[in-house]
PDB file of all heavy atoms in Angstrom:
ATOM      1  N   THR A   1      14.120 -11.447   0.727  1.00  0.00           N
ATOM      2  CA  THR A   1      15.447 -11.978   0.487  1.00  0.00           C
ATOM      3  C   THR A   1      15.294 -13.446   0.086  1.00  0.00           C
ATOM      4  O   THR A   1      14.650 -14.222   0.752  1.00  0.00           O
ATOM      5  CB  THR A   1      16.424 -11.868   1.707  1.00  0.00           C
ATOM      6  OG1 THR A   1      16.449 -10.515   2.099  1.00  0.00           O
ATOM      7  CG2 THR A   1      17.740 -12.371   1.414  1.00  0.00           C
ATOM      8  N   VAL A   2      15.913 -13.863  -1.028  1.00  0.00           N
ATOM      9  CA  VAL A   2      15.959 -15.223  -1.418  1.00  0.00           C
ATOM     10  C   VAL A   2      16.985 -15.945  -0.526  1.00  0.00           C
ATOM     11  O   VAL A   2      18.161 -15.622  -0.518  1.00  0.00           O
ATOM     12  CB  VAL A   2      16.380 -15.374  -2.930  1.00  0.00           C
ATOM     13  CG1 VAL A   2      16.404 -16.819  -3.328  1.00  0.00           C
ATOM     14  CG2 VAL A   2      15.408 -14.561  -3.854  1.00  0.00           C
ATOM     15  N   LYS A   3      16.547 -16.920   0.264  1.00  0.00           N
ATOM     16  CA  LYS A   3      17.387 -17.648   1.237  1.00  0.00           C
ATOM     17  C   LYS A   3      18.608 -18.291   0.567  1.00  0.00           C
ATOM     18  O   LYS A   3      19.723 -18.235   1.094  1.00  0.00           O
ATOM     19  CB  LYS A   3      16.609 -18.670   2.009  1.00  0.00           C
ATOM     20  CG  LYS A   3      15.637 -18.025   2.947  1.00  0.00           C
ATOM     21  CD  LYS A   3      14.933 -19.175   3.711  1.00  0.00           C
ATOM     22  CE  LYS A   3      13.958 -18.569   4.762  1.00  0.00           C
ATOM     23  NZ  LYS A   3      13.292 -19.617   5.530  1.00  0.00           N
ATOM     24  N   ALA A   4      18.412 -18.938  -0.563  1.00  0.00           N
ATOM     25  CA  ALA A   4      19.508 -19.667  -1.255  1.00  0.00           C
ATOM     26  C   ALA A   4      20.626 -18.789  -1.730  1.00  0.00           C
ATOM     27  O   ALA A   4      21.780 -19.216  -1.712  1.00  0.00           O
ATOM     28  CB  ALA A   4      18.881 -20.466  -2.452  1.00  0.00           C
ATOM     29  N   THR A   5      20.268 -17.551  -2.189  1.00  0.00           N
ATOM     30  CA  THR A   5      21.274 -16.767  -2.838  1.00  0.00           C
ATOM     31  C   THR A   5      21.514 -15.415  -2.069  1.00  0.00           C
ATOM     32  O   THR A   5      22.590 -14.802  -2.287  1.00  0.00           O
ATOM     33  CB  THR A   5      20.905 -16.377  -4.260  1.00  0.00           C
ATOM     34  OG1 THR A   5      19.711 -15.563  -4.176  1.00  0.00           O
ATOM     35  CG2 THR A   5      20.683 -17.571  -5.097  1.00  0.00           C
ATOM     36  N   GLY A   6      20.664 -15.009  -1.245  1.00  0.00           N
ATOM     37  CA  GLY A   6      20.793 -13.761  -0.508  1.00  0.00           C
ATOM     38  C   GLY A   6      20.410 -12.609  -1.327  1.00  0.00           C
ATOM     39  O   GLY A   6      20.483 -11.447  -0.939  1.00  0.00           O
ATOM     40  N   ALA A   7      19.930 -12.820  -2.605  1.00  0.00           N
ATOM     41  CA  ALA A   7      19.480 -11.746  -3.449  1.00  0.00           C
ATOM     42  C   ALA A   7      18.192 -11.204  -3.067  1.00  0.00           C
ATOM     43  O   ALA A   7      17.421 -11.845  -2.383  1.00  0.00           O
ATOM     44  CB  ALA A   7      19.411 -12.269  -4.950  1.00  0.00           C
ATOM     45  N   MET A   8      17.879  -9.936  -3.514  1.00  0.00           N
ATOM     46  CA  MET A   8      16.628  -9.364  -3.208  1.00  0.00           C
ATOM     47  C   MET A   8      15.587  -9.788  -4.293  1.00  0.00           C
ATOM     48  O   MET A   8      15.942  -9.868  -5.450  1.00  0.00           O
ATOM     49  CB  MET A   8      16.692  -7.808  -3.228  1.00  0.00           C
ATOM     50  CG  MET A   8      17.524  -7.272  -2.078  1.00  0.00           C
ATOM     51  SD  MET A   8      16.601  -7.547  -0.583  1.00  0.00           S
ATOM     52  CE  MET A   8      17.920  -7.197   0.583  1.00  0.00           C
ATOM     53  N   SER A   9      14.376  -9.933  -3.830  1.00  0.00           N
ATOM     54  CA  SER A   9      13.287 -10.288  -4.714  1.00  0.00           C
ATOM     55  C   SER A   9      12.141  -9.316  -4.404  1.00  0.00           C
ATOM     56  O   SER A   9      11.939  -8.938  -3.266  1.00  0.00           O
ATOM     57  CB  SER A   9      12.901 -11.736  -4.429  1.00  0.00           C
ATOM     58  OG  SER A   9      11.753 -12.078  -5.261  1.00  0.00           O
ATOM     59  N   TYR A  10      11.317  -9.061  -5.411  1.00  0.00           N
ATOM     60  CA  TYR A  10      10.212  -8.115  -5.239  1.00  0.00           C
ATOM     61  C   TYR A  10       8.906  -8.831  -5.678  1.00  0.00           C
ATOM     62  O   TYR A  10       8.914  -9.575  -6.659  1.00  0.00           O
ATOM     63  CB  TYR A  10      10.426  -6.842  -5.992  1.00  0.00           C
ATOM     64  CG  TYR A  10      11.701  -6.067  -5.576  1.00  0.00           C
ATOM     65  CD1 TYR A  10      12.918  -6.317  -6.178  1.00  0.00           C
ATOM     66  CD2 TYR A  10      11.593  -5.239  -4.535  1.00  0.00           C
ATOM     67  CE1 TYR A  10      13.962  -5.680  -5.754  1.00  0.00           C
ATOM     68  CE2 TYR A  10      12.720  -4.549  -4.061  1.00  0.00           C
ATOM     69  CZ  TYR A  10      13.947  -4.758  -4.660  1.00  0.00           C
ATOM     70  OH  TYR A  10      15.004  -4.150  -4.262  1.00  0.00           O
ATOM     71  N   SER A  11       7.837  -8.579  -4.988  1.00  0.00           N
ATOM     72  CA  SER A  11       6.530  -9.040  -5.254  1.00  0.00           C
ATOM     73  C   SER A  11       5.552  -7.905  -5.217  1.00  0.00           C
ATOM     74  O   SER A  11       5.709  -6.946  -4.430  1.00  0.00           O
ATOM     75  CB  SER A  11       6.123 -10.080  -4.218  1.00  0.00           C
ATOM     76  OG  SER A  11       6.963 -11.133  -4.083  1.00  0.00           O
ATOM     77  N   GLY A  12       4.528  -7.951  -6.024  1.00  0.00           N
ATOM     78  CA  GLY A  12       3.495  -6.935  -6.033  1.00  0.00           C
ATOM     79  C   GLY A  12       2.347  -7.303  -5.088  1.00  0.00           C
ATOM     80  O   GLY A  12       2.063  -8.471  -4.883  1.00  0.00           O
ATOM     81  N   LEU A  13       1.777  -6.297  -4.484  1.00  0.00           N
ATOM     82  CA  LEU A  13       0.672  -6.521  -3.554  1.00  0.00           C
ATOM     83  C   LEU A  13      -0.502  -5.555  -4.018  1.00  0.00           C
ATOM     84  O   LEU A  13      -0.253  -4.428  -4.274  1.00  0.00           O
ATOM     85  CB  LEU A  13       1.086  -6.170  -2.136  1.00  0.00           C
ATOM     86  CG  LEU A  13      -0.086  -6.170  -1.072  1.00  0.00           C
ATOM     87  CD1 LEU A  13      -0.599  -7.595  -0.879  1.00  0.00           C
ATOM     88  CD2 LEU A  13       0.433  -5.614   0.235  1.00  0.00           C
ATOM     89  N   LYS A  14      -1.674  -6.080  -4.183  1.00  0.00           N
ATOM     90  CA  LYS A  14      -2.820  -5.368  -4.545  1.00  0.00           C
ATOM     91  C   LYS A  14      -3.972  -5.683  -3.568  1.00  0.00           C
ATOM     92  O   LYS A  14      -4.326  -6.840  -3.378  1.00  0.00           O
ATOM     93  CB  LYS A  14      -3.274  -5.661  -5.987  1.00  0.00           C
ATOM     94  CG  LYS A  14      -4.460  -4.922  -6.473  1.00  0.00           C
ATOM     95  CD  LYS A  14      -4.716  -5.313  -7.921  1.00  0.00           C
ATOM     96  CE  LYS A  14      -6.173  -5.268  -8.308  1.00  0.00           C
ATOM     97  NZ  LYS A  14      -6.389  -5.698  -9.704  1.00  0.00           N
ATOM     98  N   VAL A  15      -4.533  -4.618  -2.975  1.00  0.00           N
ATOM     99  CA  VAL A  15      -5.677  -4.840  -2.039  1.00  0.00           C
ATOM    100  C   VAL A  15      -6.799  -4.060  -2.576  1.00  0.00           C
ATOM    101  O   VAL A  15      -6.666  -2.773  -2.872  1.00  0.00           O
ATOM    102  CB  VAL A  15      -5.258  -4.312  -0.642  1.00  0.00           C
ATOM    103  CG1 VAL A  15      -6.435  -4.442   0.304  1.00  0.00           C
ATOM    104  CG2 VAL A  15      -4.044  -5.120  -0.088  1.00  0.00           C
ATOM    105  N   VAL A  16      -7.975  -4.666  -2.717  1.00  0.00           N
ATOM    106  CA  VAL A  16      -9.187  -3.971  -3.217  1.00  0.00           C
ATOM    107  C   VAL A  16     -10.203  -4.091  -2.078  1.00  0.00           C
ATOM    108  O   VAL A  16     -10.505  -5.178  -1.617  1.00  0.00           O
ATOM    109  CB  VAL A  16      -9.765  -4.684  -4.514  1.00  0.00           C
ATOM    110  CG1 VAL A  16     -10.969  -3.965  -4.983  1.00  0.00           C
ATOM    111  CG2 VAL A  16      -8.632  -4.648  -5.613  1.00  0.00           C
ATOM    112  N   VAL A  17     -10.790  -2.948  -1.696  1.00  0.00           N
ATOM    113  CA  VAL A  17     -11.819  -2.886  -0.725  1.00  0.00           C
ATOM    114  C   VAL A  17     -13.033  -2.246  -1.330  1.00  0.00           C
ATOM    115  O   VAL A  17     -12.919  -1.203  -1.881  1.00  0.00           O
ATOM    116  CB  VAL A  17     -11.313  -2.052   0.557  1.00  0.00           C
ATOM    117  CG1 VAL A  17     -12.408  -2.037   1.565  1.00  0.00           C
ATOM    118  CG2 VAL A  17     -10.052  -2.654   1.089  1.00  0.00           C
ATOM    119  N   GLY A  18     -14.155  -2.940  -1.117  1.00  0.00           N
ATOM    120  CA  GLY A  18     -15.406  -2.409  -1.738  1.00  0.00           C
ATOM    121  C   GLY A  18     -16.440  -2.268  -0.665  1.00  0.00           C
ATOM    122  O   GLY A  18     -16.488  -3.042   0.297  1.00  0.00           O
ATOM    123  N   GLY A  19     -17.342  -1.371  -0.832  1.00  0.00           N
ATOM    124  CA  GLY A  19     -18.489  -1.202   0.117  1.00  0.00           C
ATOM    125  C   GLY A  19     -19.112   0.212  -0.037  1.00  0.00           C
ATOM    126  O   GLY A  19     -18.825   0.887  -1.023  1.00  0.00           O
ATOM    127  N   LYS A  20     -19.863   0.529   0.938  1.00  0.00           N
ATOM    128  CA  LYS A  20     -20.546   1.850   0.890  1.00  0.00           C
ATOM    129  C   LYS A  20     -19.752   2.815   1.719  1.00  0.00           C
ATOM    130  O   LYS A  20     -19.406   2.573   2.884  1.00  0.00           O
ATOM    131  CB  LYS A  20     -21.948   1.690   1.507  1.00  0.00           C
ATOM    132  CG  LYS A  20     -22.696   2.941   1.410  1.00  0.00           C
ATOM    133  CD  LYS A  20     -24.130   2.756   1.902  1.00  0.00           C
ATOM    134  CE  LYS A  20     -24.926   4.052   1.820  1.00  0.00           C
ATOM    135  NZ  LYS A  20     -26.271   3.906   2.352  1.00  0.00           N
ATOM    136  N   VAL A  21     -19.536   3.969   1.174  1.00  0.00           N
ATOM    137  CA  VAL A  21     -18.746   5.019   1.903  1.00  0.00           C
ATOM    138  C   VAL A  21     -19.676   5.627   2.973  1.00  0.00           C
ATOM    139  O   VAL A  21     -20.815   6.088   2.636  1.00  0.00           O
ATOM    140  CB  VAL A  21     -18.276   6.138   1.005  1.00  0.00           C
ATOM    141  CG1 VAL A  21     -17.600   7.250   1.785  1.00  0.00           C
ATOM    142  CG2 VAL A  21     -17.265   5.555  -0.018  1.00  0.00           C
ATOM    143  N   LYS A  22     -19.299   5.575   4.195  1.00  0.00           N
ATOM    144  CA  LYS A  22     -20.111   6.155   5.312  1.00  0.00           C
ATOM    145  C   LYS A  22     -19.619   7.555   5.675  1.00  0.00           C
ATOM    146  O   LYS A  22     -20.377   8.320   6.248  1.00  0.00           O
ATOM    147  CB  LYS A  22     -20.071   5.210   6.497  1.00  0.00           C
ATOM    148  CG  LYS A  22     -20.642   3.816   6.226  1.00  0.00           C
ATOM    149  CD  LYS A  22     -20.568   2.954   7.389  1.00  0.00           C
ATOM    150  CE  LYS A  22     -21.902   3.006   8.044  1.00  0.00           C
ATOM    151  NZ  LYS A  22     -22.071   2.132   9.165  1.00  0.00           N
ATOM    152  N   GLY A  23     -18.363   7.841   5.346  1.00  0.00           N
ATOM    153  CA  GLY A  23     -17.853   9.169   5.678  1.00  0.00           C
ATOM    154  C   GLY A  23     -16.439   9.287   5.159  1.00  0.00           C
ATOM    155  O   GLY A  23     -15.785   8.337   4.856  1.00  0.00           O
ATOM    156  N   TYR A  24     -16.021  10.508   5.015  1.00  0.00           N
ATOM    157  CA  TYR A  24     -14.620  10.801   4.572  1.00  0.00           C
ATOM    158  C   TYR A  24     -14.117  12.115   5.179  1.00  0.00           C
ATOM    159  O   TYR A  24     -14.850  12.980   5.581  1.00  0.00           O
ATOM    160  CB  TYR A  24     -14.592  10.782   3.064  1.00  0.00           C
ATOM    161  CG  TYR A  24     -15.403  11.808   2.421  1.00  0.00           C
ATOM    162  CD1 TYR A  24     -15.020  13.162   2.151  1.00  0.00           C
ATOM    163  CD2 TYR A  24     -16.746  11.580   2.037  1.00  0.00           C
ATOM    164  CE1 TYR A  24     -15.789  14.092   1.652  1.00  0.00           C
ATOM    165  CE2 TYR A  24     -17.572  12.505   1.474  1.00  0.00           C
ATOM    166  CZ  TYR A  24     -17.103  13.751   1.264  1.00  0.00           C
ATOM    167  OH  TYR A  24     -17.921  14.698   0.643  1.00  0.00           O
ATOM    168  N   ASN A  25     -12.834  12.141   5.225  1.00  0.00           N
ATOM    169  CA  ASN A  25     -12.158  13.356   5.749  1.00  0.00           C
ATOM    170  C   ASN A  25     -11.092  13.733   4.723  1.00  0.00           C
ATOM    171  O   ASN A  25     -10.141  12.960   4.486  1.00  0.00           O
ATOM    172  CB  ASN A  25     -11.527  13.023   7.103  1.00  0.00           C
ATOM    173  CG  ASN A  25     -10.681  14.190   7.657  1.00  0.00           C
ATOM    174  OD1 ASN A  25     -10.682  15.255   7.074  1.00  0.00           O
ATOM    175  ND2 ASN A  25     -10.104  13.986   8.827  1.00  0.00           N
ATOM    176  N   LEU A  26     -11.280  14.846   4.104  1.00  0.00           N
ATOM    177  CA  LEU A  26     -10.262  15.260   3.086  1.00  0.00           C
ATOM    178  C   LEU A  26      -8.935  15.649   3.677  1.00  0.00           C
ATOM    179  O   LEU A  26      -7.913  15.700   3.024  1.00  0.00           O
ATOM    180  CB  LEU A  26     -10.870  16.486   2.266  1.00  0.00           C
ATOM    181  CG  LEU A  26     -12.052  16.111   1.357  1.00  0.00           C
ATOM    182  CD1 LEU A  26     -12.549  17.376   0.705  1.00  0.00           C
ATOM    183  CD2 LEU A  26     -11.768  15.016   0.425  1.00  0.00           C
ATOM    184  N   GLY A  27      -8.910  15.929   5.002  1.00  0.00           N
ATOM    185  CA  GLY A  27      -7.722  16.241   5.640  1.00  0.00           C
ATOM    186  C   GLY A  27      -7.101  17.545   5.187  1.00  0.00           C
ATOM    187  O   GLY A  27      -7.815  18.463   4.764  1.00  0.00           O
ATOM    188  N   SER A  28      -5.819  17.686   5.270  1.00  0.00           N
ATOM    189  CA  SER A  28      -5.130  18.914   4.850  1.00  0.00           C
ATOM    190  C   SER A  28      -3.809  18.520   4.235  1.00  0.00           C
ATOM    191  O   SER A  28      -3.314  17.454   4.371  1.00  0.00           O
ATOM    192  CB  SER A  28      -4.837  19.815   6.109  1.00  0.00           C
ATOM    193  OG  SER A  28      -4.037  19.148   7.000  1.00  0.00           O
ATOM    194  N   LEU A  29      -3.340  19.452   3.384  1.00  0.00           N
ATOM    195  CA  LEU A  29      -2.062  19.282   2.726  1.00  0.00           C
ATOM    196  C   LEU A  29      -1.172  20.495   3.036  1.00  0.00           C
ATOM    197  O   LEU A  29      -1.602  21.618   3.009  1.00  0.00           O
ATOM    198  CB  LEU A  29      -2.212  19.223   1.183  1.00  0.00           C
ATOM    199  CG  LEU A  29      -2.939  17.979   0.664  1.00  0.00           C
ATOM    200  CD1 LEU A  29      -3.112  18.073  -0.838  1.00  0.00           C
ATOM    201  CD2 LEU A  29      -2.107  16.773   0.970  1.00  0.00           C
ATOM    202  N   GLU A  30       0.038  20.228   3.359  1.00  0.00           N
ATOM    203  CA  GLU A  30       1.048  21.239   3.537  1.00  0.00           C
ATOM    204  C   GLU A  30       2.342  20.847   2.794  1.00  0.00           C
ATOM    205  O   GLU A  30       2.694  19.661   2.764  1.00  0.00           O
ATOM    206  CB  GLU A  30       1.394  21.397   5.035  1.00  0.00           C
ATOM    207  CG  GLU A  30       0.288  22.039   5.811  1.00  0.00           C
ATOM    208  CD  GLU A  30       0.732  22.320   7.263  1.00  0.00           C
ATOM    209  OE1 GLU A  30       1.833  22.908   7.429  1.00  0.00           O
ATOM    210  OE2 GLU A  30      -0.041  21.924   8.148  1.00  0.00           O
ATOM    211  N   LYS A  31       2.900  21.719   2.217  1.00  0.00           N
ATOM    212  CA  LYS A  31       4.141  21.494   1.416  1.00  0.00           C
ATOM    213  C   LYS A  31       5.207  20.785   2.299  1.00  0.00           C
ATOM    214  O   LYS A  31       5.543  21.233   3.421  1.00  0.00           O
ATOM    215  CB  LYS A  31       4.737  22.837   0.892  1.00  0.00           C
ATOM    216  CG  LYS A  31       5.866  22.600  -0.064  1.00  0.00           C
ATOM    217  CD  LYS A  31       6.267  23.971  -0.611  1.00  0.00           C
ATOM    218  CE  LYS A  31       7.453  23.784  -1.596  1.00  0.00           C
ATOM    219  NZ  LYS A  31       7.877  25.049  -2.177  1.00  0.00           N
ATOM    220  N   GLY A  32       5.718  19.654   1.811  1.00  0.00           N
ATOM    221  CA  GLY A  32       6.745  18.947   2.537  1.00  0.00           C
ATOM    222  C   GLY A  32       6.267  18.063   3.738  1.00  0.00           C
ATOM    223  O   GLY A  32       7.059  17.479   4.389  1.00  0.00           O
TER     224      GLY A  32
END
């Protein structure tokens, strides 16, 4: 929220993580 006007403001966020994969879990998917 912009304090001066009370209007909404949006910002983008980008996070990049690099390294060696030690393990993964594909998990499961269910509809909904």
